[in-house]
Amino acid sequence: MKNCIILLLTLTVSISSAFAQENVSIGPIAGVSIANLRGDISNTNWKPGLTIGGFYNYSSKTGFGFSGQLLFTQMGAQINNKTDEINLNYIQAPLFFTFFFGRYGDRLRPKLFVGPSLNFLVSAKNKNGDNINGDSNHRNYNVFDLGITGGAGFNYKLSRKMWLNFDVRYGVGLLDVSKSSANIKNNNWGINAGLSFPLGTYDKKSGRLRTR
């Protein structure tokens, strides 16, 4: 009986340690994009849109971490006194360098993050849903945009295997999105929430991810 108790305690400690060491997680994310265009364009207003996608997080005991995301984001602007819209829909791949406050394993982890965003144009439409990007021989908007995004938020532990991820971010486009002589760039605010689930443990020494 004594040996059984010792074995049970050993297994319990081992399992708890394994869960505590999981530092890579994945999950879905969704939110609101509030976008506008800046540069050689006038009479524009902020336009709400949708953000949806997935992400993975890595966090270390030192507080530093990394997040990679793959998102569908609606950007652009309202134009002509809000009677029409430029809807620029992107597949975004932001790469965030993150710093978590508090101690590793705390239930609430505030965070700051910043990093580049690789944006690939999917479509350009007006308010009625009509194509405004021309044809394959003459596009009106560039297919690629590079941006930089920064923000703040928190991760909150809902259960042993699930975290709420919340953030507010601001992104600035660095490249001209228009193929015309006008210089027009993206910028947008984002309010996002997601759920992350442990995937495994990344070992920096071996460079391997141990999944469970």
C-alpha atoms as a PDB file:
ATOM      1  CA  MET A   1       0.000   0.000   0.000  1.00  0.00           C
ATOM      2  CA  LYS A   2       2.832   2.392   0.907  1.00  0.00           C
ATOM      3  CA  ASN A   3       4.529   1.726  -2.432  1.00  0.00           C
ATOM      4  CA  CYS A   4       1.249   2.330  -4.282  1.00  0.00           C
ATOM      5  CA  ILE A   5       0.784   5.679  -2.531  1.00  0.00           C
ATOM      6  CA  ILE A   6       4.353   6.725  -3.371  1.00  0.00           C
ATOM      7  CA  LEU A   7       3.855   5.683  -6.999  1.00  0.00           C
ATOM      8  CA  LEU A   8       0.560   7.585  -7.203  1.00  0.00           C
ATOM      9  CA  LEU A   9       2.146  10.734  -5.761  1.00  0.00           C
ATOM     10  CA  THR A  10       5.062  10.443  -8.164  1.00  0.00           C
ATOM     11  CA  LEU A  11       2.743  10.122 -11.152  1.00  0.00           C
ATOM     12  CA  THR A  12       0.654  13.075  -9.969  1.00  0.00           C
ATOM     13  CA  VAL A  13       3.703  15.310  -9.611  1.00  0.00           C
ATOM     14  CA  SER A  14       5.051  14.194 -13.005  1.00  0.00           C
ATOM     15  CA  ILE A  15       1.755  14.900 -14.783  1.00  0.00           C
ATOM     16  CA  SER A  16       1.381  18.280 -13.071  1.00  0.00           C
ATOM     17  CA  SER A  17       4.923  19.212 -14.054  1.00  0.00           C
ATOM     18  CA  ALA A  18       4.295  18.158 -17.626  1.00  0.00           C
ATOM     19  CA  PHE A  19       1.215  20.374 -17.875  1.00  0.00           C
ATOM     20  CA  ALA A  20       3.038  23.283 -16.220  1.00  0.00           C
ATOM     21  CA  GLN A  21       5.870  23.051 -18.724  1.00  0.00           C
ATOM     22  CA  GLU A  22       3.647  23.274 -21.800  1.00  0.00           C
ATOM     23  CA  ASN A  23       4.687  26.562 -23.401  1.00  0.00           C
ATOM     24  CA  VAL A  24       3.236  26.325 -26.929  1.00  0.00           C
ATOM     25  CA  SER A  25      -0.474  26.754 -27.598  1.00  0.00           C
ATOM     26  CA  ILE A  26      -2.777  27.162 -30.603  1.00  0.00           C
ATOM     27  CA  GLY A  27      -6.320  28.338 -31.138  1.00  0.00           C
ATOM     28  CA  PRO A  28      -8.911  30.397 -33.062  1.00  0.00           C
ATOM     29  CA  ILE A  29      -9.214  34.178 -32.967  1.00  0.00           C
ATOM     30  CA  ALA A  30     -11.905  36.636 -34.085  1.00  0.00           C
ATOM     31  CA  GLY A  31     -12.519  40.328 -33.754  1.00  0.00           C
ATOM     32  CA  VAL A  32     -13.312  43.700 -35.258  1.00  0.00           C
ATOM     33  CA  SER A  33     -11.093  45.678 -37.640  1.00  0.00           C
ATOM     34  CA  ILE A  34     -11.669  49.453 -37.760  1.00  0.00           C
ATOM     35  CA  ALA A  35      -9.771  50.629 -40.843  1.00  0.00           C
ATOM     36  CA  ASN A  36      -9.012  53.770 -42.822  1.00  0.00           C
ATOM     37  CA  LEU A  37      -6.740  54.879 -45.666  1.00  0.00           C
ATOM     38  CA  ARG A  38      -4.186  57.668 -45.435  1.00  0.00           C
ATOM     39  CA  GLY A  39      -2.063  59.585 -47.935  1.00  0.00           C
ATOM     40  CA  ASP A  40      -3.204  61.062 -51.260  1.00  0.00           C
ATOM     41  CA  ILE A  41      -6.876  60.480 -50.560  1.00  0.00           C
ATOM     42  CA  SER A  42      -9.448  62.756 -48.949  1.00  0.00           C
ATOM     43  CA  ASN A  43     -12.930  62.595 -47.468  1.00  0.00           C
ATOM     44  CA  THR A  44     -12.446  59.159 -45.913  1.00  0.00           C
ATOM     45  CA  ASN A  45     -13.898  57.740 -42.722  1.00  0.00           C
ATOM     46  CA  TRP A  46     -13.143  54.749 -40.519  1.00  0.00           C
ATOM     47  CA  LYS A  47     -14.790  51.530 -41.678  1.00  0.00           C
ATOM     48  CA  PRO A  48     -15.614  48.524 -39.458  1.00  0.00           C
ATOM     49  CA  GLY A  49     -14.842  45.028 -40.688  1.00  0.00           C
ATOM     50  CA  LEU A  50     -14.232  41.467 -39.596  1.00  0.00           C
ATOM     51  CA  THR A  51     -11.085  39.661 -38.487  1.00  0.00           C
ATOM     52  CA  ILE A  52     -11.028  35.864 -38.161  1.00  0.00           C
ATOM     53  CA  GLY A  53      -8.321  33.230 -38.164  1.00  0.00           C
ATOM     54  CA  GLY A  54      -5.957  31.177 -36.035  1.00  0.00           C
ATOM     55  CA  PHE A  55      -2.737  31.610 -34.070  1.00  0.00           C
ATOM     56  CA  TYR A  56      -0.030  29.954 -32.038  1.00  0.00           C
ATOM     57  CA  ASN A  57       1.732  31.290 -28.941  1.00  0.00           C
ATOM     58  CA  TYR A  58       5.099  30.543 -27.403  1.00  0.00           C
ATOM     59  CA  SER A  59       5.947  31.819 -23.922  1.00  0.00           C
ATOM     60  CA  SER A  60       9.099  31.438 -21.844  1.00  0.00           C
ATOM     61  CA  LYS A  61       9.791  31.638 -18.134  1.00  0.00           C
ATOM     62  CA  THR A  62      11.686  34.897 -18.724  1.00  0.00           C
ATOM     63  CA  GLY A  63       8.501  36.657 -19.884  1.00  0.00           C
ATOM     64  CA  PHE A  64       9.438  36.870 -23.543  1.00  0.00           C
ATOM     65  CA  GLY A  65       7.367  35.073 -26.152  1.00  0.00           C
ATOM     66  CA  PHE A  66       6.348  34.907 -29.775  1.00  0.00           C
ATOM     67  CA  SER A  67       3.049  34.669 -31.629  1.00  0.00           C
ATOM     68  CA  GLY A  68       2.346  33.836 -35.256  1.00  0.00           C
ATOM     69  CA  GLN A  69      -1.107  34.390 -36.711  1.00  0.00           C
ATOM     70  CA  LEU A  70      -2.955  33.734 -39.969  1.00  0.00           C
ATOM     71  CA  LEU A  71      -5.944  36.053 -40.375  1.00  0.00           C
ATOM     72  CA  PHE A  72      -8.592  37.155 -42.836  1.00  0.00           C
ATOM     73  CA  THR A  73      -9.030  40.902 -42.248  1.00  0.00           C
ATOM     74  CA  GLN A  74     -11.344  43.419 -43.895  1.00  0.00           C
ATOM     75  CA  MET A  75      -9.671  46.804 -44.358  1.00  0.00           C
ATOM     76  CA  GLY A  76     -10.140  49.915 -46.536  1.00  0.00           C
ATOM     77  CA  ALA A  77     -12.258  52.980 -45.779  1.00  0.00           C
ATOM     78  CA  GLN A  78     -15.606  54.685 -46.136  1.00  0.00           C
ATOM     79  CA  ILE A  79     -15.521  57.345 -48.868  1.00  0.00           C
ATOM     80  CA  ASN A  80     -17.684  60.097 -50.395  1.00  0.00           C
ATOM     81  CA  ASN A  81     -19.326  61.155 -47.118  1.00  0.00           C
ATOM     82  CA  LYS A  82     -19.902  57.498 -46.165  1.00  0.00           C
ATOM     83  CA  THR A  83     -22.001  56.842 -49.279  1.00  0.00           C
ATOM     84  CA  ASP A  84     -19.510  54.300 -50.634  1.00  0.00           C
ATOM     85  CA  GLU A  85     -16.679  52.060 -49.433  1.00  0.00           C
ATOM     86  CA  ILE A  86     -13.296  50.746 -50.506  1.00  0.00           C
ATOM     87  CA  ASN A  87     -13.203  47.208 -49.108  1.00  0.00           C
ATOM     88  CA  LEU A  88      -9.706  45.745 -49.213  1.00  0.00           C
ATOM     89  CA  ASN A  89      -9.769  42.157 -47.945  1.00  0.00           C
ATOM     90  CA  TYR A  90      -6.432  40.664 -46.878  1.00  0.00           C
ATOM     91  CA  ILE A  91      -4.929  37.433 -45.701  1.00  0.00           C
ATOM     92  CA  GLN A  92      -2.583  38.657 -42.977  1.00  0.00           C
ATOM     93  CA  ALA A  93       0.383  36.884 -41.409  1.00  0.00           C
ATOM     94  CA  PRO A  94       1.513  38.982 -38.408  1.00  0.00           C
ATOM     95  CA  LEU A  95       4.571  37.870 -36.429  1.00  0.00           C
ATOM     96  CA  PHE A  96       4.605  39.294 -32.913  1.00  0.00           C
ATOM     97  CA  PHE A  97       7.414  39.560 -30.387  1.00  0.00           C
ATOM     98  CA  THR A  98       5.641  39.500 -27.032  1.00  0.00           C
ATOM     99  CA  PHE A  99       6.498  40.360 -23.442  1.00  0.00           C
ATOM    100  CA  PHE A 100       4.310  38.885 -20.703  1.00  0.00           C
ATOM    101  CA  PHE A 101       4.066  40.563 -17.301  1.00  0.00           C
ATOM    102  CA  GLY A 102       3.696  38.627 -14.069  1.00  0.00           C
ATOM    103  CA  ARG A 103       5.125  35.218 -13.300  1.00  0.00           C
ATOM    104  CA  TYR A 104       5.147  32.198 -15.582  1.00  0.00           C
ATOM    105  CA  GLY A 105       2.004  30.173 -14.796  1.00  0.00           C
ATOM    106  CA  ASP A 106       0.013  33.068 -13.304  1.00  0.00           C
ATOM    107  CA  ARG A 107      -3.705  32.999 -14.018  1.00  0.00           C
ATOM    108  CA  LEU A 108      -3.609  36.508 -15.551  1.00  0.00           C
ATOM    109  CA  ARG A 109      -0.725  37.522 -17.862  1.00  0.00           C
ATOM    110  CA  PRO A 110      -0.853  41.102 -19.252  1.00  0.00           C
ATOM    111  CA  LYS A 111       1.202  41.486 -22.425  1.00  0.00           C
ATOM    112  CA  LEU A 112       2.700  43.931 -24.911  1.00  0.00           C
ATOM    113  CA  PHE A 113       3.572  42.950 -28.480  1.00  0.00           C
ATOM    114  CA  VAL A 114       4.967  44.371 -31.713  1.00  0.00           C
ATOM    115  CA  GLY A 115       6.042  42.976 -35.059  1.00  0.00           C
ATOM    116  CA  PRO A 116       5.712  42.951 -38.846  1.00  0.00           C
ATOM    117  CA  SER A 117       2.608  41.925 -40.745  1.00  0.00           C
ATOM    118  CA  LEU A 118       2.676  40.366 -44.214  1.00  0.00           C
ATOM    119  CA  ASN A 119      -0.589  41.222 -45.983  1.00  0.00           C
ATOM    120  CA  PHE A 120      -1.839  39.587 -49.197  1.00  0.00           C
ATOM    121  CA  LEU A 121      -4.793  41.159 -51.009  1.00  0.00           C
ATOM    122  CA  VAL A 122      -7.665  38.769 -51.706  1.00  0.00           C
ATOM    123  CA  SER A 123     -10.196  41.166 -53.195  1.00  0.00           C
ATOM    124  CA  ALA A 124     -11.105  44.842 -53.591  1.00  0.00           C
ATOM    125  CA  LYS A 125     -14.794  45.753 -53.708  1.00  0.00           C
ATOM    126  CA  ASN A 126     -17.128  48.701 -53.257  1.00  0.00           C
ATOM    127  CA  LYS A 127     -20.080  48.971 -50.899  1.00  0.00           C
ATOM    128  CA  ASN A 128     -22.339  47.017 -53.287  1.00  0.00           C
ATOM    129  CA  GLY A 129     -19.844  44.173 -53.576  1.00  0.00           C
ATOM    130  CA  ASP A 130     -18.676  45.084 -57.104  1.00  0.00           C
ATOM    131  CA  ASN A 131     -15.054  44.418 -58.057  1.00  0.00           C
ATOM    132  CA  ILE A 132     -12.941  47.616 -58.081  1.00  0.00           C
ATOM    133  CA  ASN A 133      -9.569  45.923 -58.630  1.00  0.00           C
ATOM    134  CA  GLY A 134      -9.735  45.772 -62.433  1.00  0.00           C
ATOM    135  CA  ASP A 135      -8.867  42.632 -64.370  1.00  0.00           C
ATOM    136  CA  SER A 136      -5.831  40.361 -64.367  1.00  0.00           C
ATOM    137  CA  ASN A 137      -4.097  42.567 -66.954  1.00  0.00           C
ATOM    138  CA  HIS A 138      -4.590  45.838 -65.104  1.00  0.00           C
ATOM    139  CA  ARG A 139      -4.936  45.742 -61.313  1.00  0.00           C
ATOM    140  CA  ASN A 140      -5.813  48.889 -59.355  1.00  0.00           C
ATOM    141  CA  TYR A 141      -4.362  47.678 -56.054  1.00  0.00           C
ATOM    142  CA  ASN A 142      -1.093  45.997 -55.169  1.00  0.00           C
ATOM    143  CA  VAL A 143      -1.323  42.360 -54.118  1.00  0.00           C
ATOM    144  CA  PHE A 144       1.189  42.742 -51.250  1.00  0.00           C
ATOM    145  CA  ASP A 145       1.368  45.141 -48.334  1.00  0.00           C
ATOM    146  CA  LEU A 146       3.892  45.177 -45.509  1.00  0.00           C
ATOM    147  CA  GLY A 147       2.864  46.650 -42.180  1.00  0.00           C
ATOM    148  CA  ILE A 148       3.927  46.935 -38.580  1.00  0.00           C
ATOM    149  CA  THR A 149       1.533  46.279 -35.728  1.00  0.00           C
ATOM    150  CA  GLY A 150       1.746  46.848 -31.978  1.00  0.00           C
ATOM    151  CA  GLY A 151      -0.673  46.386 -29.141  1.00  0.00           C
ATOM    152  CA  ALA A 152      -1.501  45.301 -25.623  1.00  0.00           C
ATOM    153  CA  GLY A 153      -3.744  42.749 -24.002  1.00  0.00           C
ATOM    154  CA  PHE A 154      -3.835  39.823 -21.628  1.00  0.00           C
ATOM    155  CA  ASN A 155      -4.061  36.039 -21.444  1.00  0.00           C
ATOM    156  CA  TYR A 156      -6.405  34.691 -18.775  1.00  0.00           C
ATOM    157  CA  LYS A 157      -6.485  31.075 -17.656  1.00  0.00           C
ATOM    158  CA  LEU A 158     -10.054  29.772 -17.872  1.00  0.00           C
ATOM    159  CA  SER A 159      -9.115  26.192 -17.033  1.00  0.00           C
ATOM    160  CA  ARG A 160      -6.026  23.972 -16.957  1.00  0.00           C
ATOM    161  CA  LYS A 161      -6.244  23.432 -20.705  1.00  0.00           C
ATOM    162  CA  MET A 162      -7.795  26.673 -21.987  1.00  0.00           C
ATOM    163  CA  TRP A 163      -6.795  30.353 -21.989  1.00  0.00           C
ATOM    164  CA  LEU A 164      -8.681  33.470 -23.073  1.00  0.00           C
ATOM    165  CA  ASN A 165      -6.497  35.720 -25.265  1.00  0.00           C
ATOM    166  CA  PHE A 166      -7.598  39.364 -25.626  1.00  0.00           C
ATOM    167  CA  ASP A 167      -5.846  42.296 -27.269  1.00  0.00           C
ATOM    168  CA  VAL A 168      -6.218  45.755 -28.772  1.00  0.00           C
ATOM    169  CA  ARG A 169      -3.819  46.531 -31.625  1.00  0.00           C
ATOM    170  CA  TYR A 170      -2.949  49.250 -34.129  1.00  0.00           C
ATOM    171  CA  GLY A 171      -1.428  48.506 -37.521  1.00  0.00           C
ATOM    172  CA  VAL A 172       0.259  50.859 -39.982  1.00  0.00           C
ATOM    173  CA  GLY A 173       0.830  49.956 -43.626  1.00  0.00           C
ATOM    174  CA  LEU A 174       4.304  50.790 -44.911  1.00  0.00           C
ATOM    175  CA  LEU A 175       3.725  50.343 -48.652  1.00  0.00           C
ATOM    176  CA  ASP A 176       1.534  52.062 -51.235  1.00  0.00           C
ATOM    177  CA  VAL A 177      -1.547  49.883 -51.792  1.00  0.00           C
ATOM    178  CA  SER A 178      -2.601  51.697 -54.987  1.00  0.00           C
ATOM    179  CA  LYS A 179      -1.140  51.154 -58.440  1.00  0.00           C
ATOM    180  CA  SER A 180      -2.151  54.682 -59.512  1.00  0.00           C
ATOM    181  CA  SER A 181      -0.015  57.807 -59.109  1.00  0.00           C
ATOM    182  CA  ALA A 182      -1.614  58.420 -55.715  1.00  0.00           C
ATOM    183  CA  ASN A 183       0.229  57.215 -52.615  1.00  0.00           C
ATOM    184  CA  ILE A 184      -2.294  55.460 -50.351  1.00  0.00           C
ATOM    185  CA  LYS A 185      -1.536  53.348 -47.295  1.00  0.00           C
ATOM    186  CA  ASN A 186      -3.515  51.206 -44.863  1.00  0.00           C
ATOM    187  CA  ASN A 187      -3.987  51.712 -41.162  1.00  0.00           C
ATOM    188  CA  ASN A 188      -6.381  50.026 -38.754  1.00  0.00           C
ATOM    189  CA  TRP A 189      -7.335  49.329 -35.181  1.00  0.00           C
ATOM    190  CA  GLY A 190      -8.168  45.788 -34.098  1.00  0.00           C
ATOM    191  CA  ILE A 191     -10.030  44.412 -31.095  1.00  0.00           C
ATOM    192  CA  ASN A 192      -9.634  40.636 -30.895  1.00  0.00           C
ATOM    193  CA  ALA A 193     -10.399  37.687 -28.642  1.00  0.00           C
ATOM    194  CA  GLY A 194      -9.344  34.069 -28.952  1.00  0.00           C
ATOM    195  CA  LEU A 195      -9.057  30.788 -27.105  1.00  0.00           C
ATOM    196  CA  SER A 196      -5.733  28.975 -26.841  1.00  0.00           C
ATOM    197  CA  PHE A 197      -5.170  25.319 -26.021  1.00  0.00           C
ATOM    198  CA  PRO A 198      -1.823  23.720 -25.047  1.00  0.00           C
ATOM    199  CA  LEU A 199      -0.048  21.991 -27.911  1.00  0.00           C
ATOM    200  CA  GLY A 200       3.178  20.897 -26.226  1.00  0.00           C
ATOM    201  CA  THR A 201       6.560  21.984 -24.951  1.00  0.00           C
ATOM    202  CA  TYR A 202       9.282  23.615 -27.025  1.00  0.00           C
ATOM    203  CA  ASP A 203      12.811  22.773 -25.875  1.00  0.00           C
ATOM    204  CA  LYS A 204      15.247  25.522 -26.880  1.00  0.00           C
ATOM    205  CA  LYS A 205      18.267  23.265 -26.374  1.00  0.00           C
ATOM    206  CA  SER A 206      17.088  20.567 -28.772  1.00  0.00           C
ATOM    207  CA  GLY A 207      14.963  22.842 -30.962  1.00  0.00           C
ATOM    208  CA  ARG A 208      12.132  20.310 -30.818  1.00  0.00           C
ATOM    209  CA  LEU A 209       8.450  20.541 -29.917  1.00  0.00           C
ATOM    210  CA  ARG A 210       7.174  17.700 -27.735  1.00  0.00           C
ATOM    211  CA  THR A 211       3.416  17.343 -28.287  1.00  0.00           C
ATOM    212  CA  ARG A 212       1.031  15.512 -25.973  1.00  0.00           C
END
